[in-house]
């Protein structure tokens, strides 16, 4: 009875997976399962494909099939699915389906269950990566915003700022005044010493001598100047 059921199931699978199924022997074959996963538009990644290898024991379907999971030969490694590490987990997911379907053809159900489980695993990992990126972006944005927050204003910080501001403004005013005075001096040029006339020089000389005599003889300096004018 087992052989007949195995052949019938194999014929049904041929009609469902005409391009995906490959025979290994009369009782063994593999089914290629292309996974439907989210891929970024700018990404050059191809949807991953996994292989479910099925071997019928003599008493299948009353006995569980022997299963294995692998990548196609030379397939590129997909970033969110590692068959070497994930095989045991995926095979474990299939165990309840096997137990529920003992005595019935079950390979199509196993293929569907494996496809869903692998796609869910990949989706969870993609979401985890996206969550990390979002957290990093939020942290970077928060750090950037902190640069523009500045120091919180308190009465103490305001008074300190006000005093410093007044000092800076006073210093700027002083420098501006010095610069203005310097520019005015440049415009005026060097101050010319007033030249005295010959009479002024002569009178100044007599007056100086008479001032000296006043100190020596007690003669009134002003009287001397008056007599000088009379003589003139």
Protein backbone atom coordinates (compact mmCIF):
# COMPACT_ATOMS: atom_id res chain seq x y z
CA UNK A 1 0.00 0.00 0.00
CA UNK A 2 2.90 2.38 0.80
CA UNK A 3 4.45 2.13 -2.69
CA UNK A 4 1.19 2.98 -4.42
CA UNK A 5 0.59 6.01 -2.24
CA UNK A 6 4.18 7.16 -2.80
CA UNK A 7 3.78 6.94 -6.58
CA UNK A 8 0.46 8.76 -6.51
CA UNK A 9 1.91 11.57 -4.42
CA UNK A 10 4.93 11.80 -6.68
CA UNK A 11 2.68 12.26 -9.74
CA UNK A 12 0.69 14.98 -8.00
CA UNK A 13 3.88 16.78 -7.02
CA UNK A 14 5.06 16.68 -10.65
CA UNK A 15 1.95 18.59 -11.68
CA UNK A 16 2.37 21.15 -8.86
CA UNK A 17 6.15 21.64 -9.16
CA UNK A 18 6.99 20.80 -12.79
CA UNK A 19 10.16 22.94 -12.81
CA UNK A 20 11.06 22.75 -9.13
CA UNK A 21 11.19 19.01 -8.48
CA UNK A 22 14.24 16.86 -9.30
CA UNK A 23 14.49 13.09 -8.85
CA UNK A 24 17.46 11.60 -7.07
CA UNK A 25 16.20 8.01 -7.08
CA UNK A 26 12.88 6.17 -7.22
CA UNK A 27 12.21 6.99 -3.62
CA UNK A 28 14.13 10.25 -3.24
CA UNK A 29 13.80 13.72 -4.77
CA UNK A 30 14.28 17.39 -3.92
CA UNK A 31 11.97 20.37 -4.32
CA UNK A 32 13.35 23.88 -4.95
CA UNK A 33 11.48 26.49 -2.92
CA UNK A 34 11.89 30.14 -3.90
CA UNK A 35 11.24 32.34 -0.89
CA UNK A 36 9.21 35.53 -1.15
CA UNK A 37 11.06 38.16 0.90
CA UNK A 38 11.30 41.94 0.98
CA UNK A 39 14.23 43.24 -1.07
CA UNK A 40 15.15 46.92 -1.31
CA UNK A 41 14.59 48.44 -4.76
CA UNK A 42 18.22 49.50 -5.15
CA UNK A 43 19.49 46.10 -3.99
CA UNK A 44 20.87 43.62 -6.50
CA UNK A 45 20.04 40.63 -4.31
CA UNK A 46 17.98 37.78 -5.72
CA UNK A 47 15.23 36.08 -3.69
CA UNK A 48 16.82 33.11 -1.89
CA UNK A 49 16.00 29.53 -2.86
CA UNK A 50 16.24 26.53 -0.56
CA UNK A 51 15.99 22.82 -1.33
CA UNK A 52 13.84 20.37 0.59
CA UNK A 53 15.16 16.86 0.05
CA UNK A 54 12.62 14.08 0.63
CA UNK A 55 13.32 10.34 0.98
CA UNK A 56 10.47 7.86 1.35
CA UNK A 57 10.99 5.07 3.86
CA UNK A 58 9.33 1.80 2.95
CA UNK A 59 6.23 2.43 5.09
CA UNK A 60 5.63 6.06 4.12
CA UNK A 61 3.13 7.74 4.68
CA UNK A 62 2.56 5.75 7.84
CA UNK A 63 6.16 6.48 8.68
CA UNK A 64 7.69 9.97 8.61
CA UNK A 65 9.77 10.87 5.51
CA UNK A 66 13.47 11.54 5.89
CA UNK A 67 14.09 15.25 5.26
CA UNK A 68 17.05 17.50 4.67
CA UNK A 69 17.39 21.20 3.80
CA UNK A 70 20.16 22.77 1.74
CA UNK A 71 21.03 25.57 -0.66
CA UNK A 72 21.24 24.97 -4.42
CA UNK A 73 24.81 24.34 -5.62
CA UNK A 74 26.86 27.56 -5.99
CA UNK A 75 24.01 29.68 -4.67
CA UNK A 76 25.12 32.99 -3.09
CA UNK A 77 24.77 33.18 0.66
CA UNK A 78 21.71 35.14 1.71
CA UNK A 79 22.40 37.67 4.50
CA UNK A 80 19.38 36.79 6.68
CA UNK A 81 19.34 33.01 6.30
CA UNK A 82 22.16 30.59 7.04
CA UNK A 83 21.16 27.02 6.25
CA UNK A 84 24.07 25.57 8.24
CA UNK A 85 22.89 27.35 11.37
CA UNK A 86 19.14 27.41 10.67
CA UNK A 87 18.59 23.86 9.38
CA UNK A 88 17.87 22.30 12.79
CA UNK A 89 15.42 25.07 13.62
CA UNK A 90 13.54 24.72 10.32
CA UNK A 91 13.40 20.93 10.52
CA UNK A 92 12.01 21.23 14.03
CA UNK A 93 9.23 23.47 12.69
CA UNK A 94 8.19 20.61 10.36
CA UNK A 95 7.79 18.01 13.12
CA UNK A 96 4.22 19.00 14.17
CA UNK A 97 3.12 18.92 10.51
CA UNK A 98 4.58 15.42 10.12
CA UNK A 99 2.82 14.12 13.24
CA UNK A 100 -0.50 15.64 12.17
CA UNK A 101 -0.33 14.07 8.70
CA UNK A 102 0.95 10.56 9.37
CA UNK A 103 -0.96 8.14 7.20
CA UNK A 104 -1.55 10.77 4.49
CA UNK A 105 0.48 12.31 1.67
CA UNK A 106 2.19 15.23 3.34
CA UNK A 107 5.06 16.54 1.15
CA UNK A 108 3.07 19.44 -0.34
CA UNK A 109 2.07 20.53 3.18
CA UNK A 110 5.69 20.20 4.32
CA UNK A 111 6.87 22.39 1.42
CA UNK A 112 4.28 25.04 2.31
CA UNK A 113 5.15 24.92 6.01
CA UNK A 114 8.88 25.16 5.33
CA UNK A 115 8.39 28.09 2.94
CA UNK A 116 6.32 30.01 5.49
CA UNK A 117 8.75 29.28 8.33
CA UNK A 118 11.83 30.37 6.34
CA UNK A 119 10.13 33.56 5.13
CA UNK A 120 9.03 34.40 8.68
CA UNK A 121 12.55 33.85 10.00
CA UNK A 122 14.00 36.16 7.35
CA UNK A 123 11.31 38.79 7.98
CA UNK A 124 12.03 38.80 11.72
CA UNK A 125 15.73 39.31 11.10
CA UNK A 126 15.10 42.08 8.58
CA UNK A 127 12.86 43.86 11.08
CA UNK A 128 15.50 43.47 13.78
CA UNK A 129 18.11 45.08 11.51
CA UNK A 130 15.71 47.90 10.60
CA UNK A 131 14.95 48.48 14.28
CA UNK A 132 18.66 48.77 15.04
CA UNK A 133 19.14 51.24 12.18
CA UNK A 134 16.17 53.30 13.39
CA UNK A 135 17.55 53.35 16.93
CA UNK A 136 20.98 54.43 15.67
CA UNK A 137 19.41 57.14 13.50
CA UNK A 138 17.27 58.38 16.41
CA UNK A 139 20.32 58.47 18.69
CA UNK A 140 22.34 60.36 16.08
CA UNK A 141 19.49 62.86 15.59
CA UNK A 142 19.14 63.37 19.34
CA UNK A 143 22.89 63.97 19.64
CA UNK A 144 22.74 66.47 16.77
CA UNK A 145 19.79 68.29 18.38
CA UNK A 146 21.67 68.57 21.68
CA UNK A 147 24.29 70.67 19.91
CA UNK A 148 21.68 73.38 19.32
CA UNK A 149 20.08 73.33 22.76
CA UNK A 150 22.76 75.49 24.37
CA UNK A 151 23.03 76.25 28.08
CA UNK A 152 19.80 76.63 30.01
CA UNK A 153 19.25 80.22 31.22
CA UNK A 154 19.09 80.82 34.96
CA UNK A 155 19.32 84.12 36.88
CA UNK A 156 22.95 83.34 37.67
CA UNK A 157 23.93 82.48 34.10
CA UNK A 158 22.08 85.55 32.78
CA UNK A 159 23.87 87.93 35.17
CA UNK A 160 27.23 86.40 34.29
CA UNK A 161 26.47 86.71 30.59
CA UNK A 162 25.24 90.31 31.02
CA UNK A 163 28.41 91.39 32.89
CA UNK A 164 30.63 89.78 30.29
CA UNK A 165 28.63 91.39 27.48
CA UNK A 166 28.99 94.85 29.03
CA UNK A 167 32.74 94.38 29.43
CA UNK A 168 33.08 93.34 25.81
CA UNK A 169 31.01 96.31 24.61
CA UNK A 170 33.06 98.75 26.74
CA UNK A 171 36.26 97.32 25.31
CA UNK A 172 34.94 97.65 21.78
CA UNK A 173 33.91 101.27 22.46
CA UNK A 174 37.36 102.11 23.87
CA UNK A 175 39.12 100.63 20.87
CA UNK A 176 36.77 102.46 18.49
CA UNK A 177 37.49 105.76 20.28
CA UNK A 178 41.25 105.17 20.10
CA UNK A 179 40.94 104.39 16.41
CA UNK A 180 38.90 107.56 15.81
CA UNK A 181 41.45 109.74 17.62
CA UNK A 182 44.28 108.15 15.68
CA UNK A 183 42.55 108.85 12.38
CA UNK A 184 41.89 112.51 13.35
CA UNK A 185 45.56 112.98 14.24
CA UNK A 186 46.54 111.61 10.86
CA UNK A 187 44.18 114.04 9.14
CA UNK A 188 45.55 117.08 11.07
CA UNK A 189 49.16 116.18 10.43
CA UNK A 190 52.09 117.26 12.67
CA UNK A 191 51.38 120.53 14.56
CA UNK A 192 53.53 123.36 13.21
CA UNK A 193 55.33 125.41 15.82
CA UNK A 194 54.38 129.12 15.56
CA UNK A 195 57.29 131.25 14.39
CA UNK A 196 58.02 134.43 16.36
CA UNK A 197 58.74 137.77 14.70
CA UNK A 198 62.12 139.50 15.10
CA UNK A 199 60.62 142.03 17.54
CA UNK A 200 58.99 139.23 19.57
CA UNK A 201 62.28 137.41 19.77
CA UNK A 202 64.08 140.65 20.82
CA UNK A 203 61.48 141.56 23.43
CA UNK A 204 61.46 138.00 24.76
CA UNK A 205 65.24 138.15 25.17
CA UNK A 206 65.11 141.52 27.06
CA UNK A 207 62.25 140.31 29.20
CA UNK A 208 64.15 137.17 30.13
CA UNK A 209 67.19 139.22 31.14
CA UNK A 210 65.09 141.65 33.19
CA UNK A 211 63.39 138.74 34.95
CA UNK A 212 66.79 137.45 35.94
CA UNK A 213 67.79 140.92 37.24
CA UNK A 214 64.58 141.09 39.28
CA UNK A 215 65.64 138.01 41.11
CA UNK A 216 69.11 139.49 41.71
CA UNK A 217 68.36 143.21 42.46
CA UNK A 218 64.73 143.25 43.56
CA UNK A 219 63.72 145.51 40.64
CA UNK A 220 60.10 145.28 39.69
CA UNK A 221 59.85 143.24 36.50
CA UNK A 222 56.79 145.06 35.23
CA UNK A 223 58.40 148.48 35.71
CA UNK A 224 61.31 147.34 33.63
CA UNK A 225 59.01 146.30 30.84
CA UNK A 226 57.22 149.71 31.01
CA UNK A 227 60.51 151.59 30.78
CA UNK A 228 61.43 149.42 27.84
CA UNK A 229 58.26 150.48 26.07
CA UNK A 230 58.93 154.19 26.82
CA UNK A 231 62.39 153.91 25.38
CA UNK A 232 60.98 152.32 22.30
